[in-house]
PDB file of N, CA and C in Angstrom:
ATOM      1  N   MET A   1      19.290   2.787  -0.302  1.00  0.00           N
ATOM      2  CA  MET A   1      17.803   3.188  -0.441  1.00  0.00           C
ATOM      3  C   MET A   1      17.579   3.673  -1.726  1.00  0.00           C
ATOM      4  N   ARG A   2      18.535   4.281  -2.791  1.00  0.00           N
ATOM      5  CA  ARG A   2      17.843   5.114  -4.012  1.00  0.00           C
ATOM      6  C   ARG A   2      18.365   3.769  -4.540  1.00  0.00           C
ATOM      7  N   GLU A   3      19.307   2.358  -4.230  1.00  0.00           N
ATOM      8  CA  GLU A   3      19.050   1.654  -5.555  1.00  0.00           C
ATOM      9  C   GLU A   3      18.617   0.458  -4.681  1.00  0.00           C
ATOM     10  N   GLY A   4      16.861   0.763  -4.398  1.00  0.00           N
ATOM     11  CA  GLY A   4      15.648  -0.172  -4.485  1.00  0.00           C
ATOM     12  C   GLY A   4      15.879  -1.199  -2.698  1.00  0.00           C
ATOM     13  N   ALA A   5      16.416  -0.704  -2.415  1.00  0.00           N
ATOM     14  CA  ALA A   5      16.256  -1.251  -0.530  1.00  0.00           C
ATOM     15  C   ALA A   5      15.062  -0.677   0.263  1.00  0.00           C
ATOM     16  N   TYR A   6      14.295  -1.660   0.715  1.00  0.00           N
ATOM     17  CA  TYR A   6      13.206  -0.926   1.470  1.00  0.00           C
ATOM     18  C   TYR A   6      13.396  -0.702   2.780  1.00  0.00           C
ATOM     19  N   ASP A   7      14.343  -1.024   3.559  1.00  0.00           N
ATOM     20  CA  ASP A   7      14.470  -0.697   4.642  1.00  0.00           C
ATOM     21  C   ASP A   7      16.108  -0.801   4.920  1.00  0.00           C
ATOM     22  N   TYR A   8      16.709  -0.105   6.194  1.00  0.00           N
ATOM     23  CA  TYR A   8      17.552  -0.550   6.505  1.00  0.00           C
ATOM     24  C   TYR A   8      17.464  -1.194   7.965  1.00  0.00           C
ATOM     25  N   VAL A   9      18.321  -1.567   8.714  1.00  0.00           N
ATOM     26  CA  VAL A   9      18.446  -2.490   9.870  1.00  0.00           C
ATOM     27  C   VAL A   9      20.356  -1.273  10.416  1.00  0.00           C
ATOM     28  N   THR A  10      20.167  -0.656  11.631  1.00  0.00           N
ATOM     29  CA  THR A  10      21.447  -0.056  12.101  1.00  0.00           C
ATOM     30  C   THR A  10      21.772  -1.432  13.164  1.00  0.00           C
ATOM     31  N   LYS A  11      23.411  -1.426  13.565  1.00  0.00           N
ATOM     32  CA  LYS A  11      23.612  -1.797  14.222  1.00  0.00           C
ATOM     33  C   LYS A  11      23.827  -0.879  15.618  1.00  0.00           C
ATOM     34  N   PRO A  12      23.938  -2.270  16.859  1.00  0.00           N
ATOM     35  CA  PRO A  12      23.378  -3.390  16.984  1.00  0.00           C
ATOM     36  C   PRO A  12      22.252  -3.263  16.683  1.00  0.00           C
ATOM     37  N   PHE A  13      21.627  -4.647  16.275  1.00  0.00           N
ATOM     38  CA  PHE A  13      20.183  -5.086  15.922  1.00  0.00           C
ATOM     39  C   PHE A  13      19.668  -6.291  17.058  1.00  0.00           C
ATOM     40  N   HIS A  14      18.253  -5.466  16.936  1.00  0.00           N
ATOM     41  CA  HIS A  14      17.393  -7.038  17.983  1.00  0.00           C
ATOM     42  C   HIS A  14      16.573  -7.372  16.239  1.00  0.00           C
ATOM     43  N   MET A  15      16.635  -9.242  16.716  1.00  0.00           N
ATOM     44  CA  MET A  15      15.835  -9.623  15.730  1.00  0.00           C
ATOM     45  C   MET A  15      13.924  -9.356  16.120  1.00  0.00           C
ATOM     46  N   GLU A  16      13.717  -8.924  17.284  1.00  0.00           N
ATOM     47  CA  GLU A  16      12.156  -8.296  16.798  1.00  0.00           C
ATOM     48  C   GLU A  16      12.529  -7.263  15.908  1.00  0.00           C
ATOM     49  N   ASP A  17      12.723  -6.421  15.988  1.00  0.00           N
ATOM     50  CA  ASP A  17      13.202  -5.417  14.544  1.00  0.00           C
ATOM     51  C   ASP A  17      13.234  -6.071  13.807  1.00  0.00           C
ATOM     52  N   ILE A  18      14.193  -6.799  13.410  1.00  0.00           N
ATOM     53  CA  ILE A  18      14.155  -7.520  12.241  1.00  0.00           C
ATOM     54  C   ILE A  18      12.980  -8.156  11.872  1.00  0.00           C
ATOM     55  N   ARG A  19      12.442  -8.759  13.070  1.00  0.00           N
ATOM     56  CA  ARG A  19      11.418  -9.412  12.316  1.00  0.00           C
ATOM     57  C   ARG A  19       9.850  -8.337  12.095  1.00  0.00           C
ATOM     58  N   ILE A  20       9.949  -7.567  12.648  1.00  0.00           N
ATOM     59  CA  ILE A  20       8.765  -6.727  12.282  1.00  0.00           C
ATOM     60  C   ILE A  20       8.958  -5.769  11.009  1.00  0.00           C
ATOM     61  N   LYS A  21      10.047  -5.378  10.567  1.00  0.00           N
ATOM     62  CA  LYS A  21      10.318  -5.079   9.228  1.00  0.00           C
ATOM     63  C   LYS A  21       9.902  -6.173   8.026  1.00  0.00           C
ATOM     64  N   ILE A  22      10.504  -7.077   8.260  1.00  0.00           N
ATOM     65  CA  ILE A  22      10.318  -8.215   7.402  1.00  0.00           C
ATOM     66  C   ILE A  22       8.442  -8.031   7.293  1.00  0.00           C
ATOM     67  N   GLU A  23       7.835  -8.502   8.445  1.00  0.00           N
ATOM     68  CA  GLU A  23       6.150  -8.563   8.093  1.00  0.00           C
ATOM     69  C   GLU A  23       5.865  -7.226   7.893  1.00  0.00           C
ATOM     70  N   ARG A  24       6.240  -5.969   8.099  1.00  0.00           N
ATOM     71  CA  ARG A  24       5.728  -4.677   7.513  1.00  0.00           C
ATOM     72  C   ARG A  24       5.923  -5.022   5.682  1.00  0.00           C
ATOM     73  N   MET A  25       6.997  -5.374   5.029  1.00  0.00           N
ATOM     74  CA  MET A  25       7.443  -5.626   4.189  1.00  0.00           C
ATOM     75  C   MET A  25       7.419  -6.557   3.066  1.00  0.00           C
ATOM     76  N   LEU A  26       6.117  -7.486   3.722  1.00  0.00           N
ATOM     77  CA  LEU A  26       5.585  -8.255   3.491  1.00  0.00           C
ATOM     78  C   LEU A  26       4.036  -7.706   2.748  1.00  0.00           C
ATOM     79  N   LYS A  27       3.652  -7.456   4.074  1.00  0.00           N
ATOM     80  CA  LYS A  27       2.378  -6.735   4.346  1.00  0.00           C
ATOM     81  C   LYS A  27       1.803  -5.532   3.073  1.00  0.00           C
ATOM     82  N   GLU A  28       3.184  -4.910   2.790  1.00  0.00           N
ATOM     83  CA  GLU A  28       2.914  -3.369   1.869  1.00  0.00           C
ATOM     84  C   GLU A  28       3.252  -4.491   0.615  1.00  0.00           C
ATOM     85  N   LYS A  29       4.067  -5.281   0.262  1.00  0.00           N
ATOM     86  CA  LYS A  29       4.343  -5.748  -1.258  1.00  0.00           C
ATOM     87  C   LYS A  29       2.863  -6.779  -1.187  1.00  0.00           C
ATOM     88  N   LYS A  30       2.372  -7.118  -0.208  1.00  0.00           N
ATOM     89  CA  LYS A  30       0.900  -8.016  -0.614  1.00  0.00           C
ATOM     90  C   LYS A  30      -0.354  -7.081  -1.159  1.00  0.00           C
ATOM     91  N   ILE A  31       0.286  -5.604  -0.196  1.00  0.00           N
ATOM     92  CA  ILE A  31      -0.805  -4.158  -0.879  1.00  0.00           C
ATOM     93  C   ILE A  31      -0.755  -4.183  -2.072  1.00  0.00           C
ATOM     94  N   ALA A  32       0.736  -4.333  -2.415  1.00  0.00           N
ATOM     95  CA  ALA A  32       0.731  -3.392  -3.595  1.00  0.00           C
ATOM     96  C   ALA A  32       0.271  -4.264  -4.902  1.00  0.00           C
ATOM     97  N   GLY A  33       0.614  -5.950  -4.666  1.00  0.00           N
ATOM     98  CA  GLY A  33       0.115  -7.154  -5.601  1.00  0.00           C
ATOM     99  C   GLY A  33      -1.625  -6.533  -5.389  1.00  0.00           C
ATOM    100  N   SER A  34      -1.994  -6.752  -4.565  1.00  0.00           N
ATOM    101  CA  SER A  34      -3.614  -6.682  -4.573  1.00  0.00           C
ATOM    102  C   SER A  34      -3.835  -5.536  -5.332  1.00  0.00           C
ATOM    103  N   LEU A  35      -3.487  -4.216  -5.005  1.00  0.00           N
ATOM    104  CA  LEU A  35      -3.702  -3.227  -6.239  1.00  0.00           C
ATOM    105  C   LEU A  35      -3.840  -3.288  -7.460  1.00  0.00           C
ATOM    106  N   LYS A  36      -2.524  -3.712  -7.332  1.00  0.00           N
ATOM    107  CA  LYS A  36      -1.875  -4.402  -8.872  1.00  0.00           C
ATOM    108  C   LYS A  36      -2.972  -5.302 -10.133  1.00  0.00           C
ATOM    109  N   THR A  37      -3.525  -6.242  -9.165  1.00  0.00           N
ATOM    110  CA  THR A  37      -4.449  -7.382  -9.981  1.00  0.00           C
ATOM    111  C   THR A  37      -5.709  -6.485  -9.612  1.00  0.00           C
ATOM    112  N   MET A  38      -6.140  -5.535  -8.748  1.00  0.00           N
ATOM    113  CA  MET A  38      -7.659  -4.655  -9.008  1.00  0.00           C
ATOM    114  C   MET A  38      -7.325  -3.816 -10.057  1.00  0.00           C
ATOM    115  N   THR A  39      -6.470  -3.192 -10.227  1.00  0.00           N
ATOM    116  CA  THR A  39      -6.394  -2.425 -11.480  1.00  0.00           C
ATOM    117  C   THR A  39      -6.132  -3.010 -12.987  1.00  0.00           C
ATOM    118  N   GLY A  40      -5.661  -4.144 -12.747  1.00  0.00           N
ATOM    119  CA  GLY A  40      -6.135  -5.030 -14.014  1.00  0.00           C
ATOM    120  C   GLY A  40      -7.962  -5.286 -14.013  1.00  0.00           C
ATOM    121  N   LEU A  41      -8.349  -5.887 -13.148  1.00  0.00           N
ATOM    122  CA  LEU A  41      -9.731  -6.133 -13.721  1.00  0.00           C
ATOM    123  C   LEU A  41     -10.339  -4.984 -13.662  1.00  0.00           C
ATOM    124  N   SER A  42      -9.987  -3.541 -12.908  1.00  0.00           N
ATOM    125  CA  SER A  42     -10.980  -2.610 -13.914  1.00  0.00           C
ATOM    126  C   SER A  42     -10.483  -2.069 -15.050  1.00  0.00           C
ATOM    127  N   TRP A  43      -9.242  -2.701 -15.366  1.00  0.00           N
ATOM    128  CA  TRP A  43      -9.530  -2.054 -17.094  1.00  0.00           C
ATOM    129  C   TRP A  43     -10.234  -3.240 -17.798  1.00  0.00           C
ATOM    130  N   ALA A  44      -9.763  -4.147 -17.635  1.00  0.00           N
ATOM    131  CA  ALA A  44     -10.670  -5.792 -18.504  1.00  0.00           C
ATOM    132  C   ALA A  44     -12.435  -5.362 -17.834  1.00  0.00           C
ATOM    133  N   LEU A  45     -12.857  -4.821 -17.156  1.00  0.00           N
ATOM    134  CA  LEU A  45     -14.298  -4.295 -16.982  1.00  0.00           C
ATOM    135  C   LEU A  45     -13.963  -2.827 -18.024  1.00  0.00           C
ATOM    136  N   ILE A  46     -13.420  -1.924 -18.347  1.00  0.00           N
ATOM    137  CA  ILE A  46     -13.738  -0.610 -18.308  1.00  0.00           C
ATOM    138  C   ILE A  46     -13.645  -1.136 -20.148  1.00  0.00           C
ATOM    139  N   ILE A  47     -12.483  -2.392 -20.474  1.00  0.00           N
ATOM    140  CA  ILE A  47     -12.669  -2.585 -22.093  1.00  0.00           C
ATOM    141  C   ILE A  47     -13.872  -3.506 -22.223  1.00  0.00           C
ATOM    142  N   SER A  48     -14.224  -4.443 -21.598  1.00  0.00           N
ATOM    143  CA  SER A  48     -15.502  -5.209 -22.232  1.00  0.00           C
ATOM    144  C   SER A  48     -16.795  -4.851 -22.099  1.00  0.00           C
ATOM    145  N   ILE A  49     -16.709  -4.142 -20.774  1.00  0.00           N
ATOM    146  CA  ILE A  49     -18.645  -3.364 -21.189  1.00  0.00           C
ATOM    147  C   ILE A  49     -18.880  -2.911 -22.832  1.00  0.00           C
ATOM    148  N   PRO A  50     -18.120  -1.701 -23.043  1.00  0.00           N
ATOM    149  CA  PRO A  50     -18.696  -0.961 -24.806  1.00  0.00           C
ATOM    150  C   PRO A  50     -18.624  -2.473 -25.413  1.00  0.00           C
ATOM    151  N   ILE A  51     -17.762  -3.798 -25.708  1.00  0.00           N
ATOM    152  CA  ILE A  51     -17.525  -4.836 -26.734  1.00  0.00           C
ATOM    153  C   ILE A  51     -19.058  -5.543 -25.809  1.00  0.00           C
ATOM    154  N   TRP A  52     -19.451  -5.898 -25.005  1.00  0.00           N
ATOM    155  CA  TRP A  52     -20.643  -6.839 -25.019  1.00  0.00           C
ATOM    156  C   TRP A  52     -22.096  -5.648 -25.068  1.00  0.00           C
ATOM    157  N   LEU A  53     -21.759  -4.447 -25.124  1.00  0.00           N
ATOM    158  CA  LEU A  53     -23.207  -3.233 -25.453  1.00  0.00           C
ATOM    159  C   LEU A  53     -23.166  -3.327 -26.922  1.00  0.00           C
ATOM    160  N   ILE A  54     -21.948  -3.399 -27.505  1.00  0.00           N
ATOM    161  CA  ILE A  54     -22.357  -3.164 -29.615  1.00  0.00           C
ATOM    162  C   ILE A  54     -22.709  -4.668 -29.933  1.00  0.00           C
ATOM    163  N   LEU A  55     -22.314  -5.806 -29.066  1.00  0.00           N
ATOM    164  CA  LEU A  55     -22.301  -7.464 -29.179  1.00  0.00           C
ATOM    165  C   LEU A  55     -23.798  -7.333 -29.081  1.00  0.00           C
ATOM    166  N   GLY A  56     -24.202  -6.535 -27.961  1.00  0.00           N
ATOM    167  CA  GLY A  56     -25.958  -6.640 -27.947  1.00  0.00           C
ATOM    168  C   GLY A  56     -26.254  -5.821 -28.555  1.00  0.00           C
ATOM    169  N   VAL A  57     -26.082  -5.348 -29.410  1.00  0.00           N
ATOM    170  CA  VAL A  57     -27.060  -4.229 -29.965  1.00  0.00           C
ATOM    171  C   VAL A  57     -26.993  -5.390 -31.740  1.00  0.00           C
ATOM    172  N   ILE A  58     -25.604  -5.721 -31.739  1.00  0.00           N
ATOM    173  CA  ILE A  58     -25.959  -6.585 -33.546  1.00  0.00           C
ATOM    174  C   ILE A  58     -26.679  -7.872 -33.294  1.00  0.00           C
ATOM    175  N   LEU A  59     -26.794  -8.320 -31.722  1.00  0.00           N
ATOM    176  CA  LEU A  59     -28.002  -9.356 -31.846  1.00  0.00           C
ATOM    177  C   LEU A  59     -28.976  -9.071 -31.931  1.00  0.00           C
ATOM    178  N   SER A  60     -29.387  -8.230 -31.249  1.00  0.00           N
ATOM    179  CA  SER A  60     -30.981  -7.807 -31.562  1.00  0.00           C
ATOM    180  C   SER A  60     -31.442  -7.264 -32.789  1.00  0.00           C
ATOM    181  N   ILE A  61     -30.411  -6.808 -33.799  1.00  0.00           N
ATOM    182  CA  ILE A  61     -30.958  -6.288 -34.726  1.00  0.00           C
ATOM    183  C   ILE A  61     -30.584  -7.373 -35.827  1.00  0.00           C
ATOM    184  N   LEU A  62     -29.978  -8.917 -35.264  1.00  0.00           N
ATOM    185  CA  LEU A  62     -29.485  -9.790 -36.335  1.00  0.00           C
ATOM    186  C   LEU A  62     -31.399 -10.924 -35.563  1.00  0.00           C
ATOM    187  N   TRP A  63     -31.631 -10.354 -34.592  1.00  0.00           N
ATOM    188  CA  TRP A  63     -32.455 -11.592 -33.987  1.00  0.00           C
ATOM    189  C   TRP A  63     -34.174 -10.926 -34.528  1.00  0.00           C
ATOM    190  N   LYS A  64     -34.008  -9.819 -35.060  1.00  0.00           N
ATOM    191  CA  LYS A  64     -35.339  -9.176 -35.789  1.00  0.00           C
ATOM    192  C   LYS A  64     -35.620  -9.761 -36.833  1.00  0.00           C
TER     193      LYS A  64
END
């Protein structure tokens, strides 16, 4: 587990247990990917809003 394993399987194992563990892992990976995407979009918005405000001020001065 310390070296990056997601989960472990004890012997004797049942295929149903393995299926459940794989589905759980895939769901968590998907959630983590979605969170990473949303974090990136949030930062893009945070950075772009001041730029658009400055551009709006500059354009309003130029159009007068």
